[in-house]
Amino acid sequence: MLVRLEDEQARRKGQLWRFQLTSDPLDFVAKVAKIPASCKKGHVVIAPAVDTDFSLSATIAAAFMGCFCTSPRDFLKEGAEPPPGISYNEKCRTAKQSFHVAVSAALAEDFPTLPQLFRAIAQAPRSSFKFYLSEKKLCKFFKRSVKTTPSIQHKIFVLSKNADMQAADKKVKAIYVTPRRFLLKCAASERGVCPGWKKRD
């Protein structure tokens, strides 16, 4: 379970549900990557729906590593129903599609964990993900590849600010996307059930 240190109640509940806890998105990705998907182990990310370095990095980690993601408030809800949240389909280790991603310099300045997170995902065993240190290199790759493979446009992204998008060359503007819009492109189940939850009578 990935959860902030300040979310003490959520951490206590995670421990009661027998989760191993970490507050570092990079450590979380490294640990999840070591567990084969066939083991069907449940991984949970607790992150507020706000645009902070931790929350964006944590939610993107959930989306690519195939985790259940919810907010601290929703995770702490009690009752006969499981905590509401999203179960993402794993994209890191699928051979069916590959992702090519870069982070704009302006976005990386505000969210320094994002580039490190994408690098960690790209380095995971059997990862089908490629991270570009330079958005210019990714743009060159896009211009070169889209001519012969138009569908690749749906697998190439430069995470950026709105200002970066507006300033981008018309030929590559389509691959620029804000982090939140990027997350909307990540497939998820309609309703996820939090791993570790057991129905209480």
N, C-alpha and C. Protein backbone atom coordinates (compact mmCIF):
# COMPACT_ATOMS: atom_id res chain seq x y z
N MET A 1 0.83 -1.19 0.00
CA MET A 1 0.00 0.00 0.00
C MET A 1 0.88 1.25 0.00
N LEU A 2 0.55 2.16 -0.90
CA LEU A 2 1.23 3.45 -0.96
C LEU A 2 0.34 4.48 -0.28
N VAL A 3 0.82 5.07 0.80
CA VAL A 3 0.02 6.01 1.56
C VAL A 3 0.95 7.01 2.25
N ARG A 4 0.54 8.27 2.31
CA ARG A 4 1.38 9.30 2.92
C ARG A 4 1.56 9.07 4.42
N LEU A 5 2.66 9.54 4.95
CA LEU A 5 2.92 9.41 6.39
C LEU A 5 1.88 10.17 7.21
N GLU A 6 1.40 11.31 6.69
CA GLU A 6 0.45 12.10 7.47
C GLU A 6 -0.95 11.50 7.53
N ASP A 7 -1.24 10.54 6.66
CA ASP A 7 -2.55 9.87 6.70
C ASP A 7 -2.49 8.72 7.71
N GLU A 8 -2.39 9.09 8.97
CA GLU A 8 -2.15 8.10 10.03
C GLU A 8 -3.28 7.09 10.18
N GLN A 9 -4.54 7.54 10.09
CA GLN A 9 -5.65 6.61 10.22
C GLN A 9 -5.69 5.60 9.09
N ALA A 10 -5.42 6.09 7.88
CA ALA A 10 -5.39 5.19 6.73
C ALA A 10 -4.25 4.19 6.87
N ARG A 11 -3.14 4.63 7.41
CA ARG A 11 -2.01 3.72 7.61
C ARG A 11 -2.36 2.63 8.63
N ARG A 12 -3.02 3.03 9.70
CA ARG A 12 -3.41 2.05 10.71
C ARG A 12 -4.38 1.02 10.14
N LYS A 13 -5.32 1.50 9.32
CA LYS A 13 -6.28 0.59 8.71
C LYS A 13 -5.57 -0.34 7.73
N GLY A 14 -4.60 0.18 6.98
CA GLY A 14 -3.84 -0.64 6.05
C GLY A 14 -3.07 -1.73 6.77
N GLN A 15 -2.52 -1.41 7.93
CA GLN A 15 -1.80 -2.40 8.72
C GLN A 15 -2.75 -3.47 9.25
N LEU A 16 -3.95 -3.06 9.68
CA LEU A 16 -4.95 -4.03 10.14
C LEU A 16 -5.34 -4.99 9.02
N TRP A 17 -5.33 -4.49 7.80
CA TRP A 17 -5.68 -5.32 6.64
C TRP A 17 -4.46 -6.07 6.09
N ARG A 18 -3.36 -6.00 6.84
CA ARG A 18 -2.12 -6.76 6.56
C ARG A 18 -1.39 -6.31 5.27
N PHE A 19 -1.44 -5.04 4.98
CA PHE A 19 -0.68 -4.50 3.86
C PHE A 19 0.72 -4.12 4.31
N GLN A 20 1.68 -4.25 3.42
CA GLN A 20 3.00 -3.67 3.62
C GLN A 20 2.90 -2.22 3.17
N LEU A 21 3.34 -1.30 4.00
CA LEU A 21 3.17 0.13 3.71
C LEU A 21 4.45 0.79 3.23
N THR A 22 4.28 1.75 2.33
CA THR A 22 5.38 2.63 1.93
C THR A 22 4.78 3.99 1.62
N SER A 23 5.57 5.04 1.80
CA SER A 23 5.12 6.39 1.48
C SER A 23 5.86 6.96 0.28
N ASP A 24 6.67 6.12 -0.36
CA ASP A 24 7.50 6.56 -1.49
C ASP A 24 7.00 5.92 -2.78
N PRO A 25 6.49 6.72 -3.75
CA PRO A 25 5.98 6.16 -5.00
C PRO A 25 7.03 5.32 -5.76
N LEU A 26 8.30 5.71 -5.70
CA LEU A 26 9.35 4.97 -6.40
C LEU A 26 9.57 3.60 -5.75
N ASP A 27 9.58 3.59 -4.42
CA ASP A 27 9.71 2.33 -3.69
C ASP A 27 8.51 1.42 -3.96
N PHE A 28 7.34 2.02 -4.05
CA PHE A 28 6.12 1.26 -4.32
C PHE A 28 6.21 0.57 -5.68
N VAL A 29 6.60 1.31 -6.72
CA VAL A 29 6.72 0.75 -8.07
C VAL A 29 7.75 -0.39 -8.08
N ALA A 30 8.88 -0.17 -7.42
CA ALA A 30 9.93 -1.20 -7.39
C ALA A 30 9.43 -2.49 -6.74
N LYS A 31 8.67 -2.35 -5.65
CA LYS A 31 8.17 -3.54 -4.95
C LYS A 31 7.08 -4.26 -5.74
N VAL A 32 6.16 -3.50 -6.33
CA VAL A 32 5.08 -4.11 -7.11
C VAL A 32 5.66 -4.81 -8.34
N ALA A 33 6.69 -4.21 -8.94
CA ALA A 33 7.28 -4.78 -10.15
C ALA A 33 7.93 -6.14 -9.91
N LYS A 34 8.32 -6.41 -8.67
CA LYS A 34 8.96 -7.69 -8.35
C LYS A 34 7.95 -8.84 -8.22
N ILE A 35 6.67 -8.49 -8.11
CA ILE A 35 5.64 -9.51 -7.91
C ILE A 35 4.98 -9.84 -9.24
N PRO A 36 5.06 -11.08 -9.72
CA PRO A 36 4.44 -11.44 -10.99
C PRO A 36 2.94 -11.16 -10.98
N ALA A 37 2.42 -10.66 -12.10
CA ALA A 37 1.00 -10.35 -12.19
C ALA A 37 0.16 -11.60 -11.96
N SER A 38 0.71 -12.76 -12.28
CA SER A 38 -0.03 -14.02 -12.13
C SER A 38 -0.31 -14.36 -10.66
N CYS A 39 0.42 -13.72 -9.74
CA CYS A 39 0.20 -13.98 -8.31
C CYS A 39 -1.11 -13.39 -7.79
N LYS A 40 -1.69 -12.46 -8.58
CA LYS A 40 -2.97 -11.85 -8.21
C LYS A 40 -2.93 -11.17 -6.84
N LYS A 41 -1.77 -10.60 -6.50
CA LYS A 41 -1.67 -9.87 -5.25
C LYS A 41 -2.36 -8.50 -5.41
N GLY A 42 -2.99 -8.03 -4.35
CA GLY A 42 -3.67 -6.75 -4.43
C GLY A 42 -2.78 -5.61 -3.97
N HIS A 43 -2.75 -4.54 -4.73
CA HIS A 43 -1.95 -3.36 -4.39
C HIS A 43 -2.88 -2.15 -4.31
N VAL A 44 -2.68 -1.32 -3.30
CA VAL A 44 -3.57 -0.19 -3.06
C VAL A 44 -2.78 1.11 -2.99
N VAL A 45 -3.34 2.14 -3.61
CA VAL A 45 -2.76 3.49 -3.54
C VAL A 45 -3.79 4.40 -2.90
N ILE A 46 -3.36 5.09 -1.83
CA ILE A 46 -4.21 6.05 -1.13
C ILE A 46 -3.66 7.45 -1.44
N ALA A 47 -4.43 8.23 -2.20
CA ALA A 47 -3.95 9.56 -2.58
C ALA A 47 -5.11 10.53 -2.74
N PRO A 48 -5.01 11.71 -2.16
CA PRO A 48 -6.07 12.72 -2.34
C PRO A 48 -6.15 13.14 -3.81
N ALA A 49 -7.34 13.49 -4.26
CA ALA A 49 -7.52 13.91 -5.66
C ALA A 49 -7.15 15.38 -5.82
N VAL A 50 -5.88 15.68 -5.61
CA VAL A 50 -5.37 17.05 -5.74
C VAL A 50 -4.10 17.00 -6.59
N ASP A 51 -3.75 18.14 -7.15
CA ASP A 51 -2.56 18.18 -8.01
C ASP A 51 -1.32 18.53 -7.20
N THR A 52 -0.83 17.56 -6.45
CA THR A 52 0.44 17.70 -5.74
C THR A 52 1.41 16.68 -6.30
N ASP A 53 2.68 16.84 -5.99
CA ASP A 53 3.69 15.93 -6.50
C ASP A 53 3.38 14.49 -6.08
N PHE A 54 3.04 14.29 -4.81
CA PHE A 54 2.74 12.94 -4.34
C PHE A 54 1.49 12.37 -5.00
N SER A 55 0.40 13.14 -4.99
CA SER A 55 -0.88 12.62 -5.48
C SER A 55 -0.83 12.25 -6.96
N LEU A 56 -0.24 13.12 -7.78
CA LEU A 56 -0.15 12.80 -9.21
C LEU A 56 0.74 11.59 -9.44
N SER A 57 1.89 11.55 -8.78
CA SER A 57 2.81 10.42 -8.95
C SER A 57 2.17 9.12 -8.46
N ALA A 58 1.49 9.18 -7.32
CA ALA A 58 0.86 8.00 -6.76
C ALA A 58 -0.24 7.47 -7.66
N THR A 59 -1.07 8.37 -8.17
CA THR A 59 -2.19 7.94 -9.02
C THR A 59 -1.69 7.38 -10.34
N ILE A 60 -0.65 7.97 -10.91
CA ILE A 60 -0.08 7.45 -12.15
C ILE A 60 0.56 6.09 -11.90
N ALA A 61 1.19 5.92 -10.74
CA ALA A 61 1.75 4.61 -10.37
C ALA A 61 0.64 3.57 -10.32
N ALA A 62 -0.49 3.93 -9.73
CA ALA A 62 -1.63 3.01 -9.65
C ALA A 62 -2.13 2.64 -11.04
N ALA A 63 -2.21 3.63 -11.91
CA ALA A 63 -2.73 3.39 -13.26
C ALA A 63 -1.84 2.46 -14.07
N PHE A 64 -0.53 2.61 -13.96
CA PHE A 64 0.37 1.80 -14.76
C PHE A 64 0.69 0.44 -14.15
N MET A 65 0.66 0.37 -12.82
CA MET A 65 0.99 -0.89 -12.16
C MET A 65 -0.24 -1.77 -11.90
N GLY A 66 -1.41 -1.27 -12.25
CA GLY A 66 -2.63 -2.06 -12.09
C GLY A 66 -3.09 -2.16 -10.65
N CYS A 67 -3.34 -1.03 -10.00
CA CYS A 67 -3.67 -1.01 -8.58
C CYS A 67 -5.06 -0.43 -8.33
N PHE A 68 -5.55 -0.67 -7.13
CA PHE A 68 -6.78 -0.03 -6.67
C PHE A 68 -6.38 1.33 -6.10
N CYS A 69 -7.10 2.37 -6.48
CA CYS A 69 -6.75 3.73 -6.06
C CYS A 69 -7.97 4.41 -5.43
N THR A 70 -7.76 5.02 -4.28
CA THR A 70 -8.83 5.72 -3.59
C THR A 70 -8.25 6.85 -2.75
N SER A 71 -9.12 7.69 -2.22
CA SER A 71 -8.67 8.80 -1.38
C SER A 71 -8.63 8.36 0.08
N PRO A 72 -7.89 9.07 0.92
CA PRO A 72 -7.86 8.72 2.35
C PRO A 72 -9.27 8.73 2.96
N ARG A 73 -10.07 9.73 2.61
CA ARG A 73 -11.43 9.82 3.17
C ARG A 73 -12.28 8.61 2.76
N ASP A 74 -12.24 8.24 1.47
CA ASP A 74 -13.05 7.10 1.01
C ASP A 74 -12.55 5.79 1.61
N PHE A 75 -11.24 5.66 1.77
CA PHE A 75 -10.69 4.43 2.32
C PHE A 75 -11.14 4.20 3.76
N LEU A 76 -11.35 5.29 4.47
CA LEU A 76 -11.72 5.20 5.88
C LEU A 76 -13.22 5.02 6.11
N LYS A 77 -14.02 5.03 5.03
CA LYS A 77 -15.46 4.84 5.18
C LYS A 77 -15.75 3.45 5.75
N GLU A 78 -16.67 3.40 6.68
CA GLU A 78 -17.07 2.14 7.29
C GLU A 78 -18.45 1.73 6.79
N GLY A 79 -18.73 0.44 6.84
CA GLY A 79 -20.05 -0.03 6.43
C GLY A 79 -19.98 -1.37 5.73
N ALA A 80 -21.12 -1.78 5.19
CA ALA A 80 -21.22 -3.09 4.54
C ALA A 80 -20.65 -3.09 3.13
N GLU A 81 -20.41 -1.88 2.58
CA GLU A 81 -19.86 -1.77 1.22
C GLU A 81 -18.36 -1.52 1.28
N PRO A 82 -17.61 -2.00 0.27
CA PRO A 82 -16.16 -1.74 0.24
C PRO A 82 -15.88 -0.26 -0.03
N PRO A 83 -14.71 0.23 0.32
CA PRO A 83 -14.38 1.63 0.05
C PRO A 83 -14.47 1.91 -1.46
N PRO A 84 -15.09 3.02 -1.85
CA PRO A 84 -15.17 3.35 -3.28
C PRO A 84 -13.80 3.71 -3.83
N GLY A 85 -13.58 3.38 -5.08
CA GLY A 85 -12.31 3.69 -5.71
C GLY A 85 -12.26 3.13 -7.12
N ILE A 86 -11.09 3.20 -7.74
CA ILE A 86 -10.89 2.74 -9.11
C ILE A 86 -9.87 1.62 -9.14
N SER A 87 -10.18 0.54 -9.84
CA SER A 87 -9.21 -0.53 -10.08
C SER A 87 -8.67 -0.38 -11.50
N TYR A 88 -7.41 -0.02 -11.62
CA TYR A 88 -6.81 0.17 -12.93
C TYR A 88 -6.33 -1.15 -13.52
N ASN A 89 -6.41 -1.27 -14.84
CA ASN A 89 -5.84 -2.42 -15.55
C ASN A 89 -4.36 -2.16 -15.77
N GLU A 90 -3.52 -3.12 -15.45
CA GLU A 90 -2.07 -2.92 -15.55
C GLU A 90 -1.65 -2.65 -16.99
N LYS A 91 -0.77 -1.66 -17.16
CA LYS A 91 -0.24 -1.33 -18.48
C LYS A 91 1.27 -1.47 -18.57
N CYS A 92 1.91 -1.62 -17.42
CA CYS A 92 3.38 -1.66 -17.38
C CYS A 92 3.95 -2.89 -18.07
N ARG A 93 3.31 -4.05 -17.83
CA ARG A 93 3.90 -5.30 -18.31
C ARG A 93 3.01 -6.01 -19.33
N THR A 94 2.37 -5.25 -20.20
CA THR A 94 1.56 -5.86 -21.24
C THR A 94 2.26 -5.76 -22.59
N ALA A 95 2.35 -6.87 -23.28
CA ALA A 95 3.03 -6.89 -24.58
C ALA A 95 2.12 -6.37 -25.69
N LYS A 96 0.82 -6.20 -25.39
CA LYS A 96 -0.13 -5.81 -26.42
C LYS A 96 0.04 -4.36 -26.85
N GLN A 97 0.52 -3.51 -25.96
CA GLN A 97 0.72 -2.11 -26.33
C GLN A 97 1.86 -1.51 -25.53
N SER A 98 2.57 -0.62 -26.16
CA SER A 98 3.67 0.06 -25.49
C SER A 98 3.35 1.54 -25.41
N PHE A 99 3.88 2.18 -24.37
CA PHE A 99 3.68 3.61 -24.18
C PHE A 99 5.02 4.32 -24.27
N HIS A 100 5.00 5.50 -24.89
CA HIS A 100 6.19 6.35 -24.99
C HIS A 100 5.83 7.67 -24.32
N VAL A 101 6.57 8.03 -23.27
CA VAL A 101 6.20 9.20 -22.46
C VAL A 101 7.41 10.08 -22.16
N ALA A 102 7.17 11.38 -22.14
CA ALA A 102 8.15 12.36 -21.68
C ALA A 102 7.42 13.35 -20.78
N VAL A 103 8.18 14.06 -19.97
CA VAL A 103 7.62 15.08 -19.09
C VAL A 103 8.26 16.41 -19.46
N SER A 104 7.45 17.43 -19.70
CA SER A 104 8.02 18.73 -20.07
C SER A 104 8.84 19.28 -18.91
N ALA A 105 9.82 20.11 -19.25
CA ALA A 105 10.70 20.68 -18.22
C ALA A 105 9.92 21.52 -17.23
N ALA A 106 8.93 22.26 -17.71
CA ALA A 106 8.13 23.12 -16.82
C ALA A 106 7.32 22.28 -15.84
N LEU A 107 6.75 21.17 -16.32
CA LEU A 107 5.96 20.31 -15.43
C LEU A 107 6.87 19.61 -14.41
N ALA A 108 8.04 19.16 -14.87
CA ALA A 108 8.98 18.48 -13.97
C ALA A 108 9.46 19.40 -12.86
N GLU A 109 9.51 20.68 -13.14
CA GLU A 109 9.94 21.64 -12.12
C GLU A 109 8.93 21.70 -10.96
N ASP A 110 7.64 21.61 -11.30
CA ASP A 110 6.59 21.65 -10.28
C ASP A 110 6.34 20.29 -9.64
N PHE A 111 6.56 19.22 -10.42
CA PHE A 111 6.30 17.86 -9.95
C PHE A 111 7.55 17.00 -10.18
N PRO A 112 8.58 17.18 -9.36
CA PRO A 112 9.88 16.54 -9.59
C PRO A 112 9.87 15.02 -9.52
N THR A 113 8.88 14.43 -8.86
CA THR A 113 8.85 12.96 -8.76
C THR A 113 8.39 12.31 -10.06
N LEU A 114 7.62 13.03 -10.89
CA LEU A 114 7.07 12.43 -12.10
C LEU A 114 8.13 11.82 -13.03
N PRO A 115 9.19 12.56 -13.40
CA PRO A 115 10.19 11.94 -14.28
C PRO A 115 10.84 10.71 -13.64
N GLN A 116 11.12 10.77 -12.34
CA GLN A 116 11.72 9.62 -11.65
C GLN A 116 10.76 8.43 -11.64
N LEU A 117 9.48 8.72 -11.48
CA LEU A 117 8.48 7.66 -11.46
C LEU A 117 8.40 6.96 -12.82
N PHE A 118 8.35 7.73 -13.89
CA PHE A 118 8.28 7.14 -15.22
C PHE A 118 9.54 6.34 -15.55
N ARG A 119 10.68 6.82 -15.06
CA ARG A 119 11.92 6.07 -15.28
C ARG A 119 11.86 4.73 -14.55
N ALA A 120 11.32 4.74 -13.33
CA ALA A 120 11.20 3.50 -12.55
C ALA A 120 10.25 2.52 -13.24
N ILE A 121 9.15 3.01 -13.78
CA ILE A 121 8.20 2.15 -14.49
C ILE A 121 8.86 1.55 -15.73
N ALA A 122 9.63 2.37 -16.44
CA ALA A 122 10.31 1.89 -17.65
C ALA A 122 11.36 0.83 -17.34
N GLN A 123 11.95 0.91 -16.14
CA GLN A 123 13.00 -0.04 -15.75
C GLN A 123 12.46 -1.30 -15.10
N ALA A 124 11.16 -1.38 -14.90
CA ALA A 124 10.56 -2.56 -14.28
C ALA A 124 10.75 -3.78 -15.19
N PRO A 125 10.95 -4.97 -14.62
CA PRO A 125 11.12 -6.17 -15.44
C PRO A 125 9.95 -6.36 -16.40
N ARG A 126 10.25 -6.66 -17.65
CA ARG A 126 9.27 -6.91 -18.71
C ARG A 126 8.40 -5.69 -19.02
N SER A 127 8.90 -4.51 -18.69
CA SER A 127 8.12 -3.30 -18.94
C SER A 127 7.95 -3.05 -20.44
N SER A 128 6.74 -2.67 -20.82
CA SER A 128 6.47 -2.33 -22.22
C SER A 128 6.40 -0.81 -22.38
N PHE A 129 7.09 -0.13 -21.49
CA PHE A 129 7.00 1.31 -21.36
C PHE A 129 8.36 1.94 -21.65
N LYS A 130 8.38 3.06 -22.38
CA LYS A 130 9.64 3.75 -22.65
C LYS A 130 9.52 5.21 -22.22
N PHE A 131 10.49 5.64 -21.41
CA PHE A 131 10.51 7.02 -20.93
C PHE A 131 11.62 7.79 -21.63
N TYR A 132 11.31 8.98 -22.09
CA TYR A 132 12.27 9.84 -22.78
C TYR A 132 12.67 10.98 -21.86
N LEU A 133 13.96 11.16 -21.67
CA LEU A 133 14.45 12.24 -20.80
C LEU A 133 14.18 13.60 -21.42
N SER A 134 14.06 13.65 -22.74
CA SER A 134 13.84 14.91 -23.45
C SER A 134 12.55 14.85 -24.24
N GLU A 135 11.71 15.87 -24.06
CA GLU A 135 10.47 15.90 -24.84
C GLU A 135 10.78 16.11 -26.33
N LYS A 136 11.92 16.78 -26.62
CA LYS A 136 12.29 16.99 -28.02
C LYS A 136 12.57 15.67 -28.72
N LYS A 137 13.23 14.73 -28.02
CA LYS A 137 13.51 13.43 -28.60
C LYS A 137 12.22 12.66 -28.88
N LEU A 138 11.28 12.76 -27.95
CA LEU A 138 10.01 12.07 -28.15
C LEU A 138 9.24 12.70 -29.31
N CYS A 139 9.28 14.00 -29.43
CA CYS A 139 8.61 14.67 -30.54
C CYS A 139 9.21 14.25 -31.88
N LYS A 140 10.53 14.10 -31.93
CA LYS A 140 11.20 13.64 -33.15
C LYS A 140 10.76 12.22 -33.49
N PHE A 141 10.70 11.37 -32.46
CA PHE A 141 10.26 10.00 -32.65
C PHE A 141 8.82 9.97 -33.18
N PHE A 142 7.98 10.83 -32.64
CA PHE A 142 6.59 10.89 -33.07
C PHE A 142 6.48 11.29 -34.55
N LYS A 143 7.18 12.36 -34.92
CA LYS A 143 7.13 12.84 -36.31
C LYS A 143 7.60 11.77 -37.28
N ARG A 144 8.60 11.01 -36.85
CA ARG A 144 9.17 9.96 -37.70
C ARG A 144 8.23 8.76 -37.80
N SER A 145 7.58 8.43 -36.71
CA SER A 145 6.79 7.20 -36.65
C SER A 145 5.36 7.35 -37.14
N VAL A 146 4.76 8.52 -36.91
CA VAL A 146 3.34 8.69 -37.22
C VAL A 146 3.07 8.59 -38.73
N LYS A 147 4.09 8.84 -39.55
CA LYS A 147 3.90 8.76 -41.01
C LYS A 147 3.60 7.34 -41.46
N THR A 148 4.27 6.38 -40.83
CA THR A 148 4.07 4.98 -41.22
C THR A 148 3.09 4.24 -40.32
N THR A 149 2.96 4.73 -39.07
CA THR A 149 2.06 4.09 -38.10
C THR A 149 1.19 5.15 -37.43
N PRO A 150 0.13 5.59 -38.09
CA PRO A 150 -0.72 6.66 -37.53
C PRO A 150 -1.30 6.34 -36.16
N SER A 151 -1.57 5.07 -35.90
CA SER A 151 -2.19 4.69 -34.63
C SER A 151 -1.27 4.90 -33.43
N ILE A 152 0.03 5.12 -33.69
CA ILE A 152 0.98 5.30 -32.58
C ILE A 152 0.69 6.58 -31.81
N GLN A 153 -0.06 7.48 -32.42
CA GLN A 153 -0.40 8.74 -31.77
C GLN A 153 -1.12 8.50 -30.44
N HIS A 154 -1.84 7.38 -30.33
CA HIS A 154 -2.59 7.08 -29.11
C HIS A 154 -1.73 6.45 -28.01
N LYS A 155 -0.42 6.28 -28.30
CA LYS A 155 0.47 5.65 -27.32
C LYS A 155 1.66 6.54 -26.97
N ILE A 156 1.66 7.77 -27.48
CA ILE A 156 2.76 8.71 -27.24
C ILE A 156 2.21 9.94 -26.53
N PHE A 157 2.87 10.32 -25.41
CA PHE A 157 2.38 11.44 -24.62
C PHE A 157 3.54 12.28 -24.09
N VAL A 158 3.36 13.59 -24.16
CA VAL A 158 4.24 14.50 -23.44
C VAL A 158 3.39 15.12 -22.34
N LEU A 159 3.64 14.72 -21.09
CA LEU A 159 2.90 15.31 -19.98
C LEU A 159 3.39 16.73 -19.78
N SER A 160 2.47 17.66 -19.72
CA SER A 160 2.87 19.06 -19.74
C SER A 160 1.85 19.96 -19.09
N LYS A 161 2.21 21.22 -19.01
CA LYS A 161 1.27 22.25 -18.57
C LYS A 161 0.50 22.74 -19.80
N ASN A 162 -0.61 23.43 -19.56
CA ASN A 162 -1.38 23.98 -20.67
C ASN A 162 -0.55 24.94 -21.51
N ALA A 163 0.33 25.69 -20.85
CA ALA A 163 1.18 26.64 -21.57
C ALA A 163 2.12 25.92 -22.53
N ASP A 164 2.66 24.76 -22.12
CA ASP A 164 3.53 23.97 -23.00
C ASP A 164 2.75 23.52 -24.24
N MET A 165 1.52 23.10 -24.02
CA MET A 165 0.66 22.61 -25.09
C MET A 165 0.40 23.71 -26.12
N GLN A 166 0.11 24.89 -25.61
CA GLN A 166 -0.19 26.01 -26.50
C GLN A 166 1.03 26.46 -27.30
N ALA A 167 2.21 26.29 -26.70
CA ALA A 167 3.44 26.72 -27.37
C ALA A 167 4.02 25.66 -28.30
N ALA A 168 3.49 24.43 -28.24
CA ALA A 168 4.05 23.32 -29.03
C ALA A 168 3.78 23.50 -30.52
N ASP A 169 4.69 22.95 -31.31
CA ASP A 169 4.54 22.95 -32.77
C ASP A 169 3.25 22.23 -33.15
N LYS A 170 2.56 22.71 -34.17
CA LYS A 170 1.29 22.12 -34.59
C LYS A 170 1.42 20.63 -34.92
N LYS A 171 2.60 20.23 -35.41
CA LYS A 171 2.80 18.84 -35.82
C LYS A 171 2.84 17.87 -34.63
N VAL A 172 3.13 18.40 -33.44
CA VAL A 172 3.22 17.53 -32.27
C VAL A 172 2.24 17.91 -31.16
N LYS A 173 1.46 18.95 -31.38
CA LYS A 173 0.54 19.43 -30.34
C LYS A 173 -0.40 18.33 -29.84
N ALA A 174 -0.76 17.41 -30.71
CA ALA A 174 -1.73 16.35 -30.36
C ALA A 174 -1.23 15.42 -29.26
N ILE A 175 0.09 15.32 -29.08
CA ILE A 175 0.60 14.37 -28.08
C ILE A 175 0.83 15.03 -26.72
N TYR A 176 0.62 16.35 -26.63
CA TYR A 176 0.77 17.06 -25.37
C TYR A 176 -0.51 16.90 -24.54
N VAL A 177 -0.36 16.60 -23.27
CA VAL A 177 -1.52 16.34 -22.42
C VAL A 177 -1.18 16.68 -20.97
N THR A 178 -2.15 17.20 -20.25
CA THR A 178 -1.93 17.46 -18.82
C THR A 178 -1.98 16.13 -18.06
N PRO A 179 -1.39 16.04 -16.88
CA PRO A 179 -1.39 14.77 -16.13
C PRO A 179 -2.79 14.22 -15.87
N ARG A 180 -3.74 15.07 -15.53
CA ARG A 180 -5.10 14.59 -15.24
C ARG A 180 -5.79 14.06 -16.49
N ARG A 181 -5.58 14.70 -17.63
CA ARG A 181 -6.16 14.20 -18.88
C ARG A 181 -5.48 12.89 -19.29
N PHE A 182 -4.21 12.79 -18.98
CA PHE A 182 -3.47 11.56 -19.25
C PHE A 182 -4.07 10.39 -18.47
N LEU A 183 -4.43 10.63 -17.22
CA LEU A 183 -5.01 9.57 -16.39
C LEU A 183 -6.36 9.11 -16.93
N LEU A 184 -7.10 10.01 -17.56
CA LEU A 184 -8.40 9.64 -18.13
C LEU A 184 -8.25 8.66 -19.29
N LYS A 185 -7.05 8.60 -19.87
CA LYS A 185 -6.79 7.68 -20.98
C LYS A 185 -6.40 6.29 -20.48
N CYS A 186 -6.23 6.14 -19.18
CA CYS A 186 -5.83 4.85 -18.61
C CYS A 186 -7.06 4.02 -18.29
N ALA A 187 -7.14 2.84 -18.90
CA ALA A 187 -8.32 1.98 -18.73
C ALA A 187 -8.46 1.51 -17.30
N ALA A 188 -9.71 1.49 -16.84
CA ALA A 188 -10.00 1.02 -15.49
C ALA A 188 -11.34 0.31 -15.50
N SER A 189 -11.55 -0.50 -14.47
CA SER A 189 -12.84 -1.15 -14.35
C SER A 189 -13.89 -0.13 -13.92
N GLU A 190 -15.16 -0.41 -14.18
CA GLU A 190 -16.20 0.53 -13.81
C GLU A 190 -16.26 0.73 -12.29
N ARG A 191 -16.09 -0.35 -11.56
CA ARG A 191 -16.11 -0.26 -10.10
C ARG A 191 -15.10 -1.24 -9.54
N GLY A 192 -14.14 -0.74 -8.82
CA GLY A 192 -13.14 -1.61 -8.25
C GLY A 192 -13.48 -2.00 -6.82
N VAL A 193 -13.03 -3.17 -6.43
CA VAL A 193 -13.20 -3.61 -5.04
C VAL A 193 -11.82 -3.57 -4.38
N CYS A 194 -11.72 -2.89 -3.29
CA CYS A 194 -10.44 -2.71 -2.61
C CYS A 194 -9.88 -4.05 -2.12
N PRO A 195 -8.67 -4.42 -2.52
CA PRO A 195 -8.03 -5.62 -1.99
C PRO A 195 -7.94 -5.53 -0.46
N GLY A 196 -8.13 -6.63 0.20
CA GLY A 196 -8.07 -6.65 1.66
C GLY A 196 -9.41 -6.46 2.32
N TRP A 197 -10.40 -5.95 1.54
CA TRP A 197 -11.74 -5.75 2.14
C TRP A 197 -12.49 -7.07 2.24
N LYS A 198 -13.10 -7.29 3.35
CA LYS A 198 -13.95 -8.45 3.54
C LYS A 198 -15.29 -7.99 4.06
N LYS A 199 -16.34 -8.57 3.51
CA LYS A 199 -17.69 -8.15 3.89
C LYS A 199 -17.94 -8.39 5.38
N ARG A 200 -18.40 -7.36 6.06
CA ARG A 200 -18.73 -7.46 7.48
C ARG A 200 -20.23 -7.62 7.65
N ASP A 201 -20.66 -8.57 8.43
CA ASP A 201 -22.08 -8.77 8.67
C ASP A 201 -22.61 -7.73 9.68
